Amino acid sequence: MKILDAMKDHLHQPVWINADILPGPGGNSRVGAREFLQIVTSFFPDVTLSLAWTTAWYPDRSNEGYSWEMVKEMEDICKNLSQPVTFPVRAPVVRQSWPQLQWLLQMSDRYSLTVWSGKDDIYPVEDLLYIREHSKEDQVFYDLFEPQKSQLKQAVKQKGQAKK
């Protein structure tokens, strides 16, 4: 934070600061939420906060999604913040967690999702398309590896052409 603070006058683009502050699906360790937010907001009160859950994903077994308890705890931490907040969510479990994540998005117009994947994560691009079709365009960002990144772009393009 001190290094970034020293460079603050030279920054001409938005700054997002990320930390895994709560345990999520399969996750356990985390950065202390209250301490992290206090430090970040004291240096940068206007940054976009990227607040995540720790996760683990296993291709050979059933993986849990984001539970109601997880998203409600996150909302409780974030509800009194004034900054924009994006919640990084893991692509393989985002579809099964959609009711919980959709609820979270509805709690504030400052909230968004950043759907991300690990390089070895396996999930159907249809899950991402579902999320895109059931949310506002400016509420969901993507941080994906290939080939899913290209597959999503192609599916979105095809859907757009089908509507014409």
N, C-alpha and C. Protein backbone atom coordinates (compact mmCIF):
# COMPACT_ATOMS: atom_id res chain seq x y z
N MET A 1 0.83 -1.18 0.00
CA MET A 1 0.00 0.00 0.00
C MET A 1 0.88 1.25 0.00
N LYS A 2 1.99 1.21 0.71
CA LYS A 2 2.88 2.38 0.75
C LYS A 2 3.50 2.64 -0.62
N ILE A 3 3.87 1.59 -1.32
CA ILE A 3 4.45 1.75 -2.67
C ILE A 3 3.40 2.32 -3.61
N LEU A 4 2.22 1.77 -3.59
CA LEU A 4 1.14 2.27 -4.44
C LEU A 4 0.78 3.71 -4.08
N ASP A 5 0.78 4.02 -2.81
CA ASP A 5 0.49 5.38 -2.36
C ASP A 5 1.54 6.36 -2.90
N ALA A 6 2.80 5.95 -2.92
CA ALA A 6 3.86 6.81 -3.43
C ALA A 6 3.70 7.07 -4.93
N MET A 7 3.05 6.17 -5.64
CA MET A 7 2.85 6.30 -7.09
C MET A 7 1.51 6.94 -7.44
N LYS A 8 0.72 7.24 -6.47
CA LYS A 8 -0.66 7.67 -6.68
C LYS A 8 -0.81 8.84 -7.65
N ASP A 9 0.11 9.79 -7.63
CA ASP A 9 0.02 10.94 -8.53
C ASP A 9 0.29 10.58 -9.98
N HIS A 10 0.88 9.42 -10.21
CA HIS A 10 1.20 8.98 -11.57
C HIS A 10 0.17 7.99 -12.14
N LEU A 11 -0.83 7.65 -11.35
CA LEU A 11 -1.85 6.71 -11.79
C LEU A 11 -2.94 7.47 -12.55
N HIS A 12 -3.21 7.03 -13.76
CA HIS A 12 -4.23 7.68 -14.60
C HIS A 12 -5.30 6.70 -15.05
N GLN A 13 -5.45 5.64 -14.31
CA GLN A 13 -6.46 4.64 -14.60
C GLN A 13 -7.06 4.15 -13.29
N PRO A 14 -8.20 3.52 -13.36
CA PRO A 14 -8.81 3.01 -12.12
C PRO A 14 -7.91 1.96 -11.46
N VAL A 15 -7.97 1.91 -10.16
CA VAL A 15 -7.20 0.93 -9.39
C VAL A 15 -8.18 -0.02 -8.72
N TRP A 16 -7.91 -1.31 -8.89
CA TRP A 16 -8.67 -2.35 -8.20
C TRP A 16 -7.70 -3.04 -7.24
N ILE A 17 -8.14 -3.23 -6.01
CA ILE A 17 -7.30 -3.91 -5.03
C ILE A 17 -8.04 -5.16 -4.57
N ASN A 18 -7.36 -6.30 -4.70
CA ASN A 18 -7.98 -7.60 -4.46
C ASN A 18 -7.43 -8.29 -3.22
N ALA A 19 -8.32 -8.99 -2.53
CA ALA A 19 -7.92 -9.90 -1.44
C ALA A 19 -9.00 -10.93 -1.24
N ASP A 20 -8.59 -12.14 -0.88
CA ASP A 20 -9.51 -13.19 -0.47
C ASP A 20 -9.78 -12.99 1.01
N ILE A 21 -10.96 -12.49 1.34
CA ILE A 21 -11.24 -12.10 2.72
C ILE A 21 -12.10 -13.09 3.49
N LEU A 22 -12.73 -14.04 2.77
CA LEU A 22 -13.58 -15.04 3.43
C LEU A 22 -13.32 -16.41 2.84
N PRO A 23 -13.51 -17.47 3.63
CA PRO A 23 -13.42 -18.82 3.05
C PRO A 23 -14.64 -19.07 2.16
N GLY A 24 -14.39 -19.66 1.01
CA GLY A 24 -15.46 -19.98 0.07
C GLY A 24 -15.50 -21.46 -0.22
N PRO A 25 -16.07 -21.83 -1.37
CA PRO A 25 -16.18 -23.25 -1.72
C PRO A 25 -14.83 -23.96 -1.73
N GLY A 26 -14.64 -24.84 -0.78
CA GLY A 26 -13.40 -25.61 -0.70
C GLY A 26 -12.22 -24.84 -0.15
N GLY A 27 -12.40 -23.57 0.19
CA GLY A 27 -11.29 -22.73 0.65
C GLY A 27 -11.24 -22.64 2.15
N ASN A 28 -10.11 -22.14 2.65
CA ASN A 28 -10.01 -22.00 4.10
C ASN A 28 -9.25 -20.75 4.53
N SER A 29 -8.02 -20.55 4.11
CA SER A 29 -7.26 -19.41 4.59
C SER A 29 -7.74 -18.12 3.94
N ARG A 30 -7.44 -17.00 4.60
CA ARG A 30 -7.88 -15.72 4.07
C ARG A 30 -7.13 -14.58 4.74
N VAL A 31 -7.27 -13.40 4.15
CA VAL A 31 -6.77 -12.16 4.73
C VAL A 31 -7.87 -11.66 5.66
N GLY A 32 -7.52 -11.08 6.79
CA GLY A 32 -8.51 -10.54 7.71
C GLY A 32 -9.30 -9.42 7.07
N ALA A 33 -10.61 -9.58 6.93
CA ALA A 33 -11.46 -8.64 6.18
C ALA A 33 -11.43 -7.24 6.77
N ARG A 34 -11.71 -7.11 8.01
CA ARG A 34 -11.81 -5.77 8.62
C ARG A 34 -10.47 -5.03 8.56
N GLU A 35 -9.39 -5.72 8.90
CA GLU A 35 -8.07 -5.10 8.86
C GLU A 35 -7.70 -4.69 7.43
N PHE A 36 -7.93 -5.59 6.46
CA PHE A 36 -7.64 -5.28 5.07
C PHE A 36 -8.40 -4.04 4.61
N LEU A 37 -9.69 -4.00 4.89
CA LEU A 37 -10.50 -2.86 4.45
C LEU A 37 -10.08 -1.57 5.13
N GLN A 38 -9.72 -1.64 6.38
CA GLN A 38 -9.26 -0.44 7.10
C GLN A 38 -7.98 0.10 6.47
N ILE A 39 -7.03 -0.77 6.18
CA ILE A 39 -5.76 -0.34 5.59
C ILE A 39 -5.99 0.23 4.19
N VAL A 40 -6.70 -0.50 3.35
CA VAL A 40 -6.92 -0.05 1.97
C VAL A 40 -7.66 1.27 1.93
N THR A 41 -8.74 1.39 2.67
CA THR A 41 -9.53 2.62 2.60
C THR A 41 -8.80 3.81 3.23
N SER A 42 -7.87 3.56 4.14
CA SER A 42 -7.10 4.68 4.69
C SER A 42 -6.14 5.25 3.65
N PHE A 43 -5.60 4.40 2.77
CA PHE A 43 -4.70 4.86 1.71
C PHE A 43 -5.48 5.29 0.46
N PHE A 44 -6.48 4.52 0.09
CA PHE A 44 -7.20 4.71 -1.17
C PHE A 44 -8.70 4.60 -0.94
N PRO A 45 -9.33 5.66 -0.50
CA PRO A 45 -10.77 5.59 -0.22
C PRO A 45 -11.65 5.43 -1.46
N ASP A 46 -11.08 5.63 -2.66
CA ASP A 46 -11.89 5.59 -3.87
C ASP A 46 -11.59 4.43 -4.81
N VAL A 47 -10.78 3.45 -4.38
CA VAL A 47 -10.47 2.33 -5.27
C VAL A 47 -11.68 1.40 -5.41
N THR A 48 -11.64 0.58 -6.43
CA THR A 48 -12.59 -0.51 -6.53
C THR A 48 -12.03 -1.67 -5.72
N LEU A 49 -12.84 -2.17 -4.82
CA LEU A 49 -12.44 -3.30 -4.00
C LEU A 49 -12.83 -4.59 -4.69
N SER A 50 -11.90 -5.49 -4.80
CA SER A 50 -12.14 -6.81 -5.38
C SER A 50 -12.04 -7.80 -4.23
N LEU A 51 -13.20 -8.13 -3.66
CA LEU A 51 -13.25 -8.92 -2.43
C LEU A 51 -13.75 -10.33 -2.72
N ALA A 52 -12.91 -11.29 -2.41
CA ALA A 52 -13.17 -12.66 -2.83
C ALA A 52 -13.20 -13.63 -1.66
N TRP A 53 -13.63 -14.82 -2.03
CA TRP A 53 -13.59 -15.99 -1.14
C TRP A 53 -12.44 -16.87 -1.60
N THR A 54 -11.77 -17.52 -0.66
CA THR A 54 -10.79 -18.53 -1.05
C THR A 54 -11.56 -19.73 -1.60
N THR A 55 -11.01 -20.39 -2.59
CA THR A 55 -11.69 -21.54 -3.19
C THR A 55 -10.70 -22.65 -3.50
N ALA A 56 -11.24 -23.83 -3.70
CA ALA A 56 -10.51 -24.96 -4.25
C ALA A 56 -11.48 -25.65 -5.20
N TRP A 57 -10.95 -26.25 -6.24
CA TRP A 57 -11.80 -26.93 -7.21
C TRP A 57 -11.09 -28.21 -7.63
N TYR A 58 -11.86 -29.30 -7.69
CA TYR A 58 -11.30 -30.60 -8.02
C TYR A 58 -12.07 -31.21 -9.19
N PRO A 59 -11.37 -31.55 -10.27
CA PRO A 59 -12.07 -32.05 -11.45
C PRO A 59 -12.70 -33.43 -11.28
N ASP A 60 -12.24 -34.18 -10.28
CA ASP A 60 -12.69 -35.56 -10.13
C ASP A 60 -13.73 -35.76 -9.03
N ARG A 61 -14.31 -34.67 -8.54
CA ARG A 61 -15.35 -34.81 -7.51
C ARG A 61 -16.35 -33.68 -7.60
N SER A 62 -17.43 -33.84 -6.88
CA SER A 62 -18.46 -32.80 -6.84
C SER A 62 -17.93 -31.62 -6.01
N ASN A 63 -18.08 -30.43 -6.54
CA ASN A 63 -17.59 -29.23 -5.86
C ASN A 63 -18.77 -28.39 -5.40
N GLU A 64 -18.70 -27.92 -4.16
CA GLU A 64 -19.77 -27.07 -3.65
C GLU A 64 -19.68 -25.69 -4.28
N GLY A 65 -20.80 -24.98 -4.28
CA GLY A 65 -20.84 -23.62 -4.79
C GLY A 65 -20.78 -22.62 -3.65
N TYR A 66 -21.07 -21.38 -3.97
CA TYR A 66 -21.13 -20.32 -2.96
C TYR A 66 -22.46 -20.45 -2.22
N SER A 67 -22.40 -20.67 -0.92
CA SER A 67 -23.61 -20.90 -0.12
C SER A 67 -24.25 -19.58 0.26
N TRP A 68 -25.50 -19.68 0.73
CA TRP A 68 -26.19 -18.50 1.23
C TRP A 68 -25.40 -17.88 2.38
N GLU A 69 -24.87 -18.70 3.25
CA GLU A 69 -24.09 -18.20 4.39
C GLU A 69 -22.88 -17.40 3.90
N MET A 70 -22.20 -17.90 2.88
CA MET A 70 -21.02 -17.22 2.35
C MET A 70 -21.37 -15.85 1.77
N VAL A 71 -22.40 -15.80 0.94
CA VAL A 71 -22.73 -14.52 0.29
C VAL A 71 -23.35 -13.54 1.28
N LYS A 72 -24.09 -14.02 2.25
CA LYS A 72 -24.66 -13.11 3.25
C LYS A 72 -23.56 -12.54 4.16
N GLU A 73 -22.57 -13.34 4.48
CA GLU A 73 -21.46 -12.82 5.27
C GLU A 73 -20.69 -11.76 4.48
N MET A 74 -20.48 -11.99 3.19
CA MET A 74 -19.80 -11.01 2.35
C MET A 74 -20.61 -9.72 2.26
N GLU A 75 -21.90 -9.84 2.08
CA GLU A 75 -22.74 -8.64 1.98
C GLU A 75 -22.73 -7.87 3.29
N ASP A 76 -22.70 -8.58 4.40
CA ASP A 76 -22.65 -7.92 5.69
C ASP A 76 -21.37 -7.09 5.84
N ILE A 77 -20.27 -7.58 5.33
CA ILE A 77 -19.00 -6.86 5.38
C ILE A 77 -19.03 -5.65 4.44
N CYS A 78 -19.67 -5.79 3.29
CA CYS A 78 -19.60 -4.77 2.25
C CYS A 78 -20.72 -3.73 2.27
N LYS A 79 -21.79 -3.98 2.97
CA LYS A 79 -22.98 -3.13 2.85
C LYS A 79 -22.75 -1.68 3.26
N ASN A 80 -21.82 -1.42 4.14
CA ASN A 80 -21.59 -0.04 4.58
C ASN A 80 -20.40 0.62 3.90
N LEU A 81 -19.80 -0.06 2.94
CA LEU A 81 -18.69 0.53 2.19
C LEU A 81 -19.25 1.54 1.18
N SER A 82 -18.45 2.49 0.79
CA SER A 82 -18.90 3.46 -0.21
C SER A 82 -18.29 3.19 -1.59
N GLN A 83 -17.25 2.37 -1.65
CA GLN A 83 -16.56 2.08 -2.90
C GLN A 83 -17.31 1.05 -3.74
N PRO A 84 -17.03 1.05 -5.05
CA PRO A 84 -17.50 -0.07 -5.87
C PRO A 84 -16.81 -1.36 -5.39
N VAL A 85 -17.56 -2.46 -5.45
CA VAL A 85 -17.01 -3.75 -5.03
C VAL A 85 -17.31 -4.77 -6.12
N THR A 86 -16.27 -5.47 -6.55
CA THR A 86 -16.48 -6.61 -7.44
C THR A 86 -16.12 -7.87 -6.65
N PHE A 87 -16.92 -8.91 -6.86
CA PHE A 87 -16.71 -10.17 -6.16
C PHE A 87 -16.18 -11.20 -7.16
N PRO A 88 -14.90 -11.56 -7.08
CA PRO A 88 -14.39 -12.62 -7.94
C PRO A 88 -15.03 -13.96 -7.56
N VAL A 89 -15.61 -14.63 -8.55
CA VAL A 89 -16.26 -15.92 -8.33
C VAL A 89 -15.71 -16.93 -9.32
N ARG A 90 -15.52 -18.14 -8.86
CA ARG A 90 -14.87 -19.17 -9.68
C ARG A 90 -15.83 -19.76 -10.70
N ALA A 91 -15.43 -19.76 -11.95
CA ALA A 91 -16.29 -20.14 -13.07
C ALA A 91 -16.95 -21.52 -12.93
N PRO A 92 -16.24 -22.57 -12.50
CA PRO A 92 -16.90 -23.88 -12.46
C PRO A 92 -18.08 -24.00 -11.50
N VAL A 93 -18.19 -23.08 -10.52
CA VAL A 93 -19.29 -23.18 -9.56
C VAL A 93 -20.25 -21.98 -9.62
N VAL A 94 -20.04 -21.10 -10.59
CA VAL A 94 -20.86 -19.89 -10.64
C VAL A 94 -22.31 -20.20 -11.01
N ARG A 95 -22.55 -21.11 -11.92
CA ARG A 95 -23.92 -21.41 -12.35
C ARG A 95 -24.74 -22.01 -11.22
N GLN A 96 -24.16 -22.96 -10.50
CA GLN A 96 -24.91 -23.60 -9.40
C GLN A 96 -25.13 -22.62 -8.24
N SER A 97 -24.38 -21.54 -8.22
CA SER A 97 -24.49 -20.54 -7.16
C SER A 97 -25.28 -19.31 -7.60
N TRP A 98 -25.89 -19.37 -8.79
CA TRP A 98 -26.51 -18.18 -9.34
C TRP A 98 -27.59 -17.55 -8.44
N PRO A 99 -28.48 -18.30 -7.81
CA PRO A 99 -29.47 -17.64 -6.94
C PRO A 99 -28.81 -16.78 -5.85
N GLN A 100 -27.76 -17.31 -5.23
CA GLN A 100 -27.07 -16.58 -4.18
C GLN A 100 -26.33 -15.36 -4.75
N LEU A 101 -25.65 -15.54 -5.87
CA LEU A 101 -24.87 -14.44 -6.46
C LEU A 101 -25.79 -13.36 -7.03
N GLN A 102 -26.90 -13.77 -7.62
CA GLN A 102 -27.86 -12.80 -8.13
C GLN A 102 -28.43 -11.96 -6.98
N TRP A 103 -28.74 -12.61 -5.87
CA TRP A 103 -29.20 -11.89 -4.68
C TRP A 103 -28.16 -10.87 -4.25
N LEU A 104 -26.89 -11.29 -4.21
CA LEU A 104 -25.81 -10.39 -3.80
C LEU A 104 -25.74 -9.17 -4.72
N LEU A 105 -25.83 -9.38 -6.02
CA LEU A 105 -25.80 -8.26 -6.97
C LEU A 105 -26.96 -7.29 -6.75
N GLN A 106 -28.08 -7.81 -6.33
CA GLN A 106 -29.26 -6.96 -6.13
C GLN A 106 -29.17 -6.13 -4.84
N MET A 107 -28.22 -6.43 -3.98
CA MET A 107 -28.11 -5.71 -2.71
C MET A 107 -27.55 -4.30 -2.87
N SER A 108 -26.83 -4.02 -3.95
CA SER A 108 -26.28 -2.68 -4.16
C SER A 108 -25.92 -2.48 -5.62
N ASP A 109 -26.12 -1.27 -6.12
CA ASP A 109 -25.71 -0.97 -7.49
C ASP A 109 -24.19 -0.74 -7.57
N ARG A 110 -23.50 -0.81 -6.44
CA ARG A 110 -22.03 -0.74 -6.41
C ARG A 110 -21.38 -2.10 -6.63
N TYR A 111 -22.17 -3.17 -6.64
CA TYR A 111 -21.63 -4.53 -6.70
C TYR A 111 -21.57 -5.06 -8.13
N SER A 112 -20.53 -5.86 -8.38
CA SER A 112 -20.41 -6.59 -9.64
C SER A 112 -19.72 -7.93 -9.35
N LEU A 113 -19.69 -8.79 -10.35
CA LEU A 113 -18.97 -10.07 -10.26
C LEU A 113 -17.82 -10.05 -11.26
N THR A 114 -16.74 -10.70 -10.90
CA THR A 114 -15.66 -10.98 -11.84
C THR A 114 -15.54 -12.50 -11.88
N VAL A 115 -16.01 -13.09 -12.97
CA VAL A 115 -15.97 -14.54 -13.13
C VAL A 115 -14.56 -14.91 -13.59
N TRP A 116 -13.88 -15.74 -12.81
CA TRP A 116 -12.51 -16.12 -13.13
C TRP A 116 -12.38 -17.64 -13.15
N SER A 117 -11.31 -18.10 -13.75
CA SER A 117 -11.06 -19.54 -13.76
C SER A 117 -9.58 -19.81 -13.56
N GLY A 118 -9.30 -20.96 -12.97
CA GLY A 118 -7.95 -21.46 -12.90
C GLY A 118 -7.61 -22.09 -14.25
N LYS A 119 -6.34 -22.22 -14.56
CA LYS A 119 -5.99 -22.72 -15.90
C LYS A 119 -6.43 -24.16 -16.13
N ASP A 120 -6.66 -24.94 -15.08
CA ASP A 120 -7.09 -26.32 -15.25
C ASP A 120 -8.56 -26.54 -14.93
N ASP A 121 -9.29 -25.46 -14.65
CA ASP A 121 -10.72 -25.57 -14.35
C ASP A 121 -11.49 -26.05 -15.58
N ILE A 122 -12.49 -26.88 -15.33
CA ILE A 122 -13.33 -27.41 -16.42
C ILE A 122 -14.76 -27.00 -16.13
N TYR A 123 -15.41 -26.38 -17.13
CA TYR A 123 -16.80 -25.93 -16.99
C TYR A 123 -17.35 -25.64 -18.38
N PRO A 124 -18.64 -25.78 -18.55
CA PRO A 124 -19.23 -25.50 -19.86
C PRO A 124 -19.40 -23.99 -20.08
N VAL A 125 -19.11 -23.54 -21.27
CA VAL A 125 -19.27 -22.12 -21.59
C VAL A 125 -20.74 -21.70 -21.47
N GLU A 126 -21.66 -22.66 -21.57
CA GLU A 126 -23.08 -22.37 -21.40
C GLU A 126 -23.37 -21.80 -20.01
N ASP A 127 -22.59 -22.23 -19.00
CA ASP A 127 -22.78 -21.67 -17.66
C ASP A 127 -22.48 -20.18 -17.64
N LEU A 128 -21.42 -19.79 -18.34
CA LEU A 128 -21.06 -18.37 -18.41
C LEU A 128 -22.08 -17.59 -19.21
N LEU A 129 -22.57 -18.18 -20.26
CA LEU A 129 -23.58 -17.54 -21.09
C LEU A 129 -24.87 -17.33 -20.28
N TYR A 130 -25.22 -18.28 -19.48
CA TYR A 130 -26.41 -18.16 -18.62
C TYR A 130 -26.27 -16.96 -17.70
N ILE A 131 -25.11 -16.82 -17.05
CA ILE A 131 -24.86 -15.70 -16.14
C ILE A 131 -24.95 -14.39 -16.91
N ARG A 132 -24.36 -14.35 -18.08
CA ARG A 132 -24.38 -13.13 -18.90
C ARG A 132 -25.81 -12.75 -19.28
N GLU A 133 -26.61 -13.74 -19.62
CA GLU A 133 -27.98 -13.48 -20.06
C GLU A 133 -28.91 -13.11 -18.90
N HIS A 134 -28.53 -13.42 -17.68
CA HIS A 134 -29.38 -13.17 -16.53
C HIS A 134 -28.82 -12.10 -15.59
N SER A 135 -27.99 -11.23 -16.13
CA SER A 135 -27.45 -10.12 -15.34
C SER A 135 -27.29 -8.90 -16.24
N LYS A 136 -27.08 -7.76 -15.62
CA LYS A 136 -26.82 -6.54 -16.38
C LYS A 136 -25.42 -6.61 -16.95
N GLU A 137 -25.24 -6.08 -18.14
CA GLU A 137 -23.96 -6.16 -18.83
C GLU A 137 -22.82 -5.55 -18.02
N ASP A 138 -23.09 -4.48 -17.30
CA ASP A 138 -22.04 -3.81 -16.53
C ASP A 138 -21.86 -4.40 -15.13
N GLN A 139 -22.50 -5.52 -14.85
CA GLN A 139 -22.36 -6.16 -13.53
C GLN A 139 -21.47 -7.39 -13.55
N VAL A 140 -21.04 -7.84 -14.71
CA VAL A 140 -20.24 -9.06 -14.77
C VAL A 140 -19.03 -8.85 -15.66
N PHE A 141 -17.86 -9.15 -15.10
CA PHE A 141 -16.60 -9.10 -15.81
C PHE A 141 -16.06 -10.52 -15.90
N TYR A 142 -15.12 -10.76 -16.83
CA TYR A 142 -14.59 -12.11 -17.03
C TYR A 142 -13.07 -12.07 -17.03
N ASP A 143 -12.47 -13.04 -16.35
CA ASP A 143 -11.02 -13.23 -16.30
C ASP A 143 -10.78 -14.71 -16.55
N LEU A 144 -10.71 -15.08 -17.83
CA LEU A 144 -10.73 -16.48 -18.23
C LEU A 144 -9.51 -16.87 -19.05
N PHE A 145 -9.19 -18.14 -19.01
CA PHE A 145 -8.15 -18.71 -19.87
C PHE A 145 -8.79 -19.20 -21.16
N GLU A 146 -7.95 -19.44 -22.14
CA GLU A 146 -8.39 -20.10 -23.37
C GLU A 146 -8.55 -21.59 -23.09
N PRO A 147 -9.44 -22.29 -23.75
CA PRO A 147 -10.27 -21.86 -24.87
C PRO A 147 -11.62 -21.27 -24.45
N GLN A 148 -11.93 -21.28 -23.14
CA GLN A 148 -13.25 -20.80 -22.70
C GLN A 148 -13.46 -19.32 -23.03
N LYS A 149 -12.40 -18.53 -22.98
CA LYS A 149 -12.52 -17.11 -23.30
C LYS A 149 -13.02 -16.91 -24.73
N SER A 150 -12.40 -17.59 -25.68
CA SER A 150 -12.82 -17.49 -27.09
C SER A 150 -14.19 -18.12 -27.31
N GLN A 151 -14.47 -19.22 -26.61
CA GLN A 151 -15.77 -19.88 -26.75
C GLN A 151 -16.89 -18.96 -26.26
N LEU A 152 -16.66 -18.24 -25.17
CA LEU A 152 -17.67 -17.31 -24.67
C LEU A 152 -17.89 -16.17 -25.67
N LYS A 153 -16.81 -15.61 -26.19
CA LYS A 153 -16.94 -14.53 -27.18
C LYS A 153 -17.73 -15.01 -28.40
N GLN A 154 -17.44 -16.21 -28.86
CA GLN A 154 -18.14 -16.76 -30.02
C GLN A 154 -19.62 -17.00 -29.73
N ALA A 155 -19.91 -17.53 -28.56
CA ALA A 155 -21.30 -17.79 -28.18
C ALA A 155 -22.08 -16.48 -28.07
N VAL A 156 -21.47 -15.46 -27.51
CA VAL A 156 -22.12 -14.15 -27.39
C VAL A 156 -22.38 -13.57 -28.78
N LYS A 157 -21.40 -13.71 -29.64
CA LYS A 157 -21.55 -13.22 -31.02
C LYS A 157 -22.68 -13.94 -31.75
N GLN A 158 -22.74 -15.26 -31.59
CA GLN A 158 -23.81 -16.04 -32.23
C GLN A 158 -25.18 -15.65 -31.70
N LYS A 159 -25.28 -15.45 -30.40
CA LYS A 159 -26.55 -15.03 -29.81
C LYS A 159 -26.99 -13.67 -30.36
N GLY A 160 -26.03 -12.78 -30.51
CA GLY A 160 -26.32 -11.45 -31.05
C GLY A 160 -26.81 -11.52 -32.48
N GLN A 161 -26.21 -12.38 -33.29
CA GLN A 161 -26.62 -12.54 -34.68
C GLN A 161 -27.98 -13.20 -34.76
N ALA A 162 -28.27 -14.11 -33.85
CA ALA A 162 -29.58 -14.80 -33.86
C ALA A 162 -30.71 -13.85 -33.52
N LYS A 163 -30.44 -12.80 -32.76
CA LYS A 163 -31.46 -11.85 -32.38
C LYS A 163 -31.82 -10.88 -33.50
N LYS A 164 -30.92 -10.74 -34.48
CA LYS A 164 -31.14 -9.79 -35.58
C LYS A 164 -32.18 -10.25 -36.56
